[in-house]
Amino acid sequence: MRIHIAADHAGFELKEHLKSHFAAAGHDVVDHGNQEYDAQDDYPSFCIAAAEAVRVQPDTLGIVIGGSGNGEQLAANRVKGIRAALIWSVETAKLARQHNDAQVGSLGGRMHTLEEATAIADAFISEPFSGDERHQRRIDEMSRYEQRR
């Protein structure tokens, strides 16, 4: 699977770790920045770039990372057609995929150990959308609203 990944300074260490982890697992990882640690960088452009890439490549997923994951989720959700979810546990990561068919997971690099964050990211990447009618109905409702904006 192709995984689009992005992070600001607060998520840089985790991004670099996950890039290696996903590549070792056989995934094609595309890094949307930042390419080097910069304590003054801003997350929106990196997260939006990763979400845009996921939007134009529907069979891909994205992981965006910052300090808490909140702003990164908000930035990714600005991309029309993207459903980005804050994933802060293995369970929320799985539910984001199962129930919401989220294409982008947002992680807080300051909220978890590398081991915890890796387990959360793995859960998000490996979990499929359930396809249940009730979940699809809710996604469709959000998509209809988004199209009117």
C-alpha atoms as a PDB file:
ATOM      1  CA  MET A   1       0.000   0.000   0.000  1.00  0.00           C
ATOM      2  CA  ARG A   2       1.087   3.569  -0.630  1.00  0.00           C
ATOM      3  CA  ILE A   3       1.101   5.677   2.528  1.00  0.00           C
ATOM      4  CA  HIS A   4       1.352   9.461   2.373  1.00  0.00           C
ATOM      5  CA  ILE A   5       2.964  10.874   5.494  1.00  0.00           C
ATOM      6  CA  ALA A   6       3.613  14.391   6.785  1.00  0.00           C
ATOM      7  CA  ALA A   7       4.705  16.090   9.994  1.00  0.00           C
ATOM      8  CA  ASP A   8       5.853  19.338  11.458  1.00  0.00           C
ATOM      9  CA  HIS A   9       8.679  19.716  13.977  1.00  0.00           C
ATOM     10  CA  ALA A  10       6.628  18.200  16.812  1.00  0.00           C
ATOM     11  CA  GLY A  11       5.996  15.038  14.806  1.00  0.00           C
ATOM     12  CA  PHE A  12       9.249  14.875  12.858  1.00  0.00           C
ATOM     13  CA  GLU A  13      10.891  12.125  14.936  1.00  0.00           C
ATOM     14  CA  LEU A  14       7.761   9.955  14.779  1.00  0.00           C
ATOM     15  CA  LYS A  15       7.407  10.548  11.031  1.00  0.00           C
ATOM     16  CA  GLU A  16      10.952   9.405  10.402  1.00  0.00           C
ATOM     17  CA  HIS A  17      10.373   6.332  12.563  1.00  0.00           C
ATOM     18  CA  LEU A  18       7.106   5.442  10.821  1.00  0.00           C
ATOM     19  CA  LYS A  19       8.647   5.925   7.377  1.00  0.00           C
ATOM     20  CA  SER A  20      11.235   3.267   8.180  1.00  0.00           C
ATOM     21  CA  HIS A  21       8.691   1.033   9.886  1.00  0.00           C
ATOM     22  CA  PHE A  22       6.216   1.136   6.988  1.00  0.00           C
ATOM     23  CA  ALA A  23       8.940   0.683   4.366  1.00  0.00           C
ATOM     24  CA  ALA A  24      10.263  -2.361   6.241  1.00  0.00           C
ATOM     25  CA  ALA A  25       6.712  -3.775   6.163  1.00  0.00           C
ATOM     26  CA  GLY A  26       6.692  -3.435   2.367  1.00  0.00           C
ATOM     27  CA  HIS A  27       4.658  -0.233   2.028  1.00  0.00           C
ATOM     28  CA  ASP A  28       5.459   2.523  -0.456  1.00  0.00           C
ATOM     29  CA  VAL A  29       5.892   5.629   1.717  1.00  0.00           C
ATOM     30  CA  VAL A  30       5.683   9.127   0.258  1.00  0.00           C
ATOM     31  CA  ASP A  31       6.985  11.897   2.528  1.00  0.00           C
ATOM     32  CA  HIS A  32       5.222  15.252   2.117  1.00  0.00           C
ATOM     33  CA  GLY A  33       7.439  17.050   4.588  1.00  0.00           C
ATOM     34  CA  ASN A  34       8.922  18.524   6.407  1.00  0.00           C
ATOM     35  CA  GLN A  35      12.080  16.978   4.968  1.00  0.00           C
ATOM     36  CA  GLU A  36      14.281  18.255   7.784  1.00  0.00           C
ATOM     37  CA  TYR A  37      13.732  19.285  11.365  1.00  0.00           C
ATOM     38  CA  ASP A  38      12.751  22.944  11.636  1.00  0.00           C
ATOM     39  CA  ALA A  39      11.513  24.113  15.027  1.00  0.00           C
ATOM     40  CA  GLN A  40       9.668  27.018  13.368  1.00  0.00           C
ATOM     41  CA  ASP A  41       7.825  25.150  10.607  1.00  0.00           C
ATOM     42  CA  ASP A  42       4.038  25.094  10.234  1.00  0.00           C
ATOM     43  CA  TYR A  43       2.013  21.927   9.734  1.00  0.00           C
ATOM     44  CA  PRO A  44      -0.831  23.027   7.405  1.00  0.00           C
ATOM     45  CA  SER A  45       1.067  22.874   4.108  1.00  0.00           C
ATOM     46  CA  PHE A  46       2.532  19.436   4.880  1.00  0.00           C
ATOM     47  CA  CYS A  47      -0.780  17.958   6.008  1.00  0.00           C
ATOM     48  CA  ILE A  48      -2.731  19.452   3.134  1.00  0.00           C
ATOM     49  CA  ALA A  49      -0.163  18.095   0.648  1.00  0.00           C
ATOM     50  CA  ALA A  50      -0.475  14.590   2.107  1.00  0.00           C
ATOM     51  CA  ALA A  51      -4.285  14.763   2.110  1.00  0.00           C
ATOM     52  CA  GLU A  52      -4.340  16.062  -1.491  1.00  0.00           C
ATOM     53  CA  ALA A  53      -2.180  13.124  -2.540  1.00  0.00           C
ATOM     54  CA  VAL A  54      -4.575  10.701  -0.847  1.00  0.00           C
ATOM     55  CA  ARG A  55      -7.518  12.414  -2.554  1.00  0.00           C
ATOM     56  CA  VAL A  56      -6.059  11.936  -6.038  1.00  0.00           C
ATOM     57  CA  GLN A  57      -4.868   8.383  -5.278  1.00  0.00           C
ATOM     58  CA  PRO A  58      -7.981   6.732  -3.800  1.00  0.00           C
ATOM     59  CA  ASP A  59      -6.345   3.418  -2.921  1.00  0.00           C
ATOM     60  CA  THR A  60      -3.862   5.108  -0.588  1.00  0.00           C
ATOM     61  CA  LEU A  61      -3.950   6.239   3.029  1.00  0.00           C
ATOM     62  CA  GLY A  62      -2.295   9.056   4.921  1.00  0.00           C
ATOM     63  CA  ILE A  63      -0.777   9.677   8.321  1.00  0.00           C
ATOM     64  CA  VAL A  64      -0.248  13.269   9.487  1.00  0.00           C
ATOM     65  CA  ILE A  65       1.645  14.007  12.679  1.00  0.00           C
ATOM     66  CA  GLY A  66       2.113  16.968  14.984  1.00  0.00           C
ATOM     67  CA  GLY A  67       2.291  17.606  18.688  1.00  0.00           C
ATOM     68  CA  SER A  68      -1.287  16.645  19.519  1.00  0.00           C
ATOM     69  CA  GLY A  69      -2.624  15.678  16.106  1.00  0.00           C
ATOM     70  CA  ASN A  70      -5.515  18.120  16.450  1.00  0.00           C
ATOM     71  CA  GLY A  71      -4.335  20.846  14.091  1.00  0.00           C
ATOM     72  CA  GLU A  72      -3.037  18.306  11.619  1.00  0.00           C
ATOM     73  CA  GLN A  73      -6.456  16.643  11.480  1.00  0.00           C
ATOM     74  CA  LEU A  74      -8.105  20.019  10.946  1.00  0.00           C
ATOM     75  CA  ALA A  75      -5.707  20.860   8.109  1.00  0.00           C
ATOM     76  CA  ALA A  76      -6.203  17.518   6.353  1.00  0.00           C
ATOM     77  CA  ASN A  77      -9.973  17.867   6.662  1.00  0.00           C
ATOM     78  CA  ARG A  78      -9.807  21.088   4.629  1.00  0.00           C
ATOM     79  CA  VAL A  79      -9.164  18.972   1.537  1.00  0.00           C
ATOM     80  CA  LYS A  80     -12.479  18.300  -0.175  1.00  0.00           C
ATOM     81  CA  GLY A  81     -13.390  14.634  -0.048  1.00  0.00           C
ATOM     82  CA  ILE A  82     -10.972  13.751   2.747  1.00  0.00           C
ATOM     83  CA  ARG A  83     -12.065  12.271   6.046  1.00  0.00           C
ATOM     84  CA  ALA A  84      -9.245  12.697   8.547  1.00  0.00           C
ATOM     85  CA  ALA A  85      -9.602  11.305  12.046  1.00  0.00           C
ATOM     86  CA  LEU A  86      -7.662  11.929  15.217  1.00  0.00           C
ATOM     87  CA  ILE A  87      -6.326   8.500  16.140  1.00  0.00           C
ATOM     88  CA  TRP A  88      -5.183   8.363  19.750  1.00  0.00           C
ATOM     89  CA  SER A  89      -5.541   4.654  20.525  1.00  0.00           C
ATOM     90  CA  VAL A  90      -5.566   1.376  18.634  1.00  0.00           C
ATOM     91  CA  GLU A  91      -9.348   1.260  19.078  1.00  0.00           C
ATOM     92  CA  THR A  92      -9.971   4.771  17.713  1.00  0.00           C
ATOM     93  CA  ALA A  93      -7.677   4.014  14.768  1.00  0.00           C
ATOM     94  CA  LYS A  94      -9.620   0.868  13.916  1.00  0.00           C
ATOM     95  CA  LEU A  95     -12.982   2.597  14.333  1.00  0.00           C
ATOM     96  CA  ALA A  96     -11.889   5.505  12.136  1.00  0.00           C
ATOM     97  CA  ARG A  97     -11.379   3.012   9.314  1.00  0.00           C
ATOM     98  CA  GLN A  98     -14.215   0.559  10.106  1.00  0.00           C
ATOM     99  CA  HIS A  99     -16.995   3.105  10.666  1.00  0.00           C
ATOM    100  CA  ASN A 100     -15.833   6.301   8.949  1.00  0.00           C
ATOM    101  CA  ASP A 101     -13.669   5.009   6.106  1.00  0.00           C
ATOM    102  CA  ALA A 102     -11.168   7.691   7.132  1.00  0.00           C
ATOM    103  CA  GLN A 103      -8.406   8.014   4.583  1.00  0.00           C
ATOM    104  CA  VAL A 104      -6.080  10.037   6.824  1.00  0.00           C
ATOM    105  CA  GLY A 105      -5.151   9.338  10.427  1.00  0.00           C
ATOM    106  CA  SER A 106      -3.767  12.122  12.591  1.00  0.00           C
ATOM    107  CA  LEU A 107      -1.359  11.311  15.405  1.00  0.00           C
ATOM    108  CA  GLY A 108       0.085  13.354  18.244  1.00  0.00           C
ATOM    109  CA  GLY A 109       3.821  12.840  18.393  1.00  0.00           C
ATOM    110  CA  ARG A 110       3.968  14.288  21.893  1.00  0.00           C
ATOM    111  CA  MET A 111       1.109  12.121  23.147  1.00  0.00           C
ATOM    112  CA  HIS A 112       2.577   8.625  22.740  1.00  0.00           C
ATOM    113  CA  THR A 113       5.762   6.636  22.938  1.00  0.00           C
ATOM    114  CA  LEU A 114       7.166   5.481  19.597  1.00  0.00           C
ATOM    115  CA  GLU A 115       5.887   1.980  20.350  1.00  0.00           C
ATOM    116  CA  GLU A 116       2.349   3.177  21.147  1.00  0.00           C
ATOM    117  CA  ALA A 117       2.225   5.453  18.115  1.00  0.00           C
ATOM    118  CA  THR A 118       3.468   2.657  15.863  1.00  0.00           C
ATOM    119  CA  ALA A 119       0.736   0.319  17.104  1.00  0.00           C
ATOM    120  CA  ILE A 120      -1.886   3.019  16.512  1.00  0.00           C
ATOM    121  CA  ALA A 121      -0.594   3.768  12.998  1.00  0.00           C
ATOM    122  CA  ASP A 122      -0.439   0.053  12.158  1.00  0.00           C
ATOM    123  CA  ALA A 123      -4.033  -0.404  13.331  1.00  0.00           C
ATOM    124  CA  PHE A 124      -5.172   2.455  11.104  1.00  0.00           C
ATOM    125  CA  ILE A 125      -3.292   1.226   8.040  1.00  0.00           C
ATOM    126  CA  SER A 126      -4.372  -2.400   8.360  1.00  0.00           C
ATOM    127  CA  GLU A 127      -8.063  -1.972   9.214  1.00  0.00           C
ATOM    128  CA  PRO A 128     -10.543  -2.032   6.303  1.00  0.00           C
ATOM    129  CA  PHE A 129     -13.810  -0.114   6.043  1.00  0.00           C
ATOM    130  CA  SER A 130     -16.645  -2.351   7.200  1.00  0.00           C
ATOM    131  CA  GLY A 131     -18.909  -1.448   4.292  1.00  0.00           C
ATOM    132  CA  ASP A 132     -21.931  -1.618   6.601  1.00  0.00           C
ATOM    133  CA  GLU A 133     -24.916   0.216   5.137  1.00  0.00           C
ATOM    134  CA  ARG A 134     -25.373   2.415   8.223  1.00  0.00           C
ATOM    135  CA  HIS A 135     -21.773   3.613   8.093  1.00  0.00           C
ATOM    136  CA  GLN A 136     -21.904   4.249   4.348  1.00  0.00           C
ATOM    137  CA  ARG A 137     -25.183   6.145   4.779  1.00  0.00           C
ATOM    138  CA  ARG A 138     -23.513   8.500   7.262  1.00  0.00           C
ATOM    139  CA  ILE A 139     -20.489   9.023   5.037  1.00  0.00           C
ATOM    140  CA  ASP A 140     -22.799   9.767   2.109  1.00  0.00           C
ATOM    141  CA  GLU A 141     -24.700  12.314   4.194  1.00  0.00           C
ATOM    142  CA  MET A 142     -21.471  14.160   4.998  1.00  0.00           C
ATOM    143  CA  SER A 143     -20.378  13.987   1.355  1.00  0.00           C
ATOM    144  CA  ARG A 144     -23.664  15.495   0.167  1.00  0.00           C
ATOM    145  CA  TYR A 145     -23.243  18.379   2.587  1.00  0.00           C
ATOM    146  CA  GLU A 146     -19.647  18.895   1.498  1.00  0.00           C
ATOM    147  CA  GLN A 147     -20.706  19.079  -2.155  1.00  0.00           C
ATOM    148  CA  ARG A 148     -23.077  21.945  -1.340  1.00  0.00           C
ATOM    149  CA  ARG A 149     -20.314  24.093   0.152  1.00  0.00           C
END
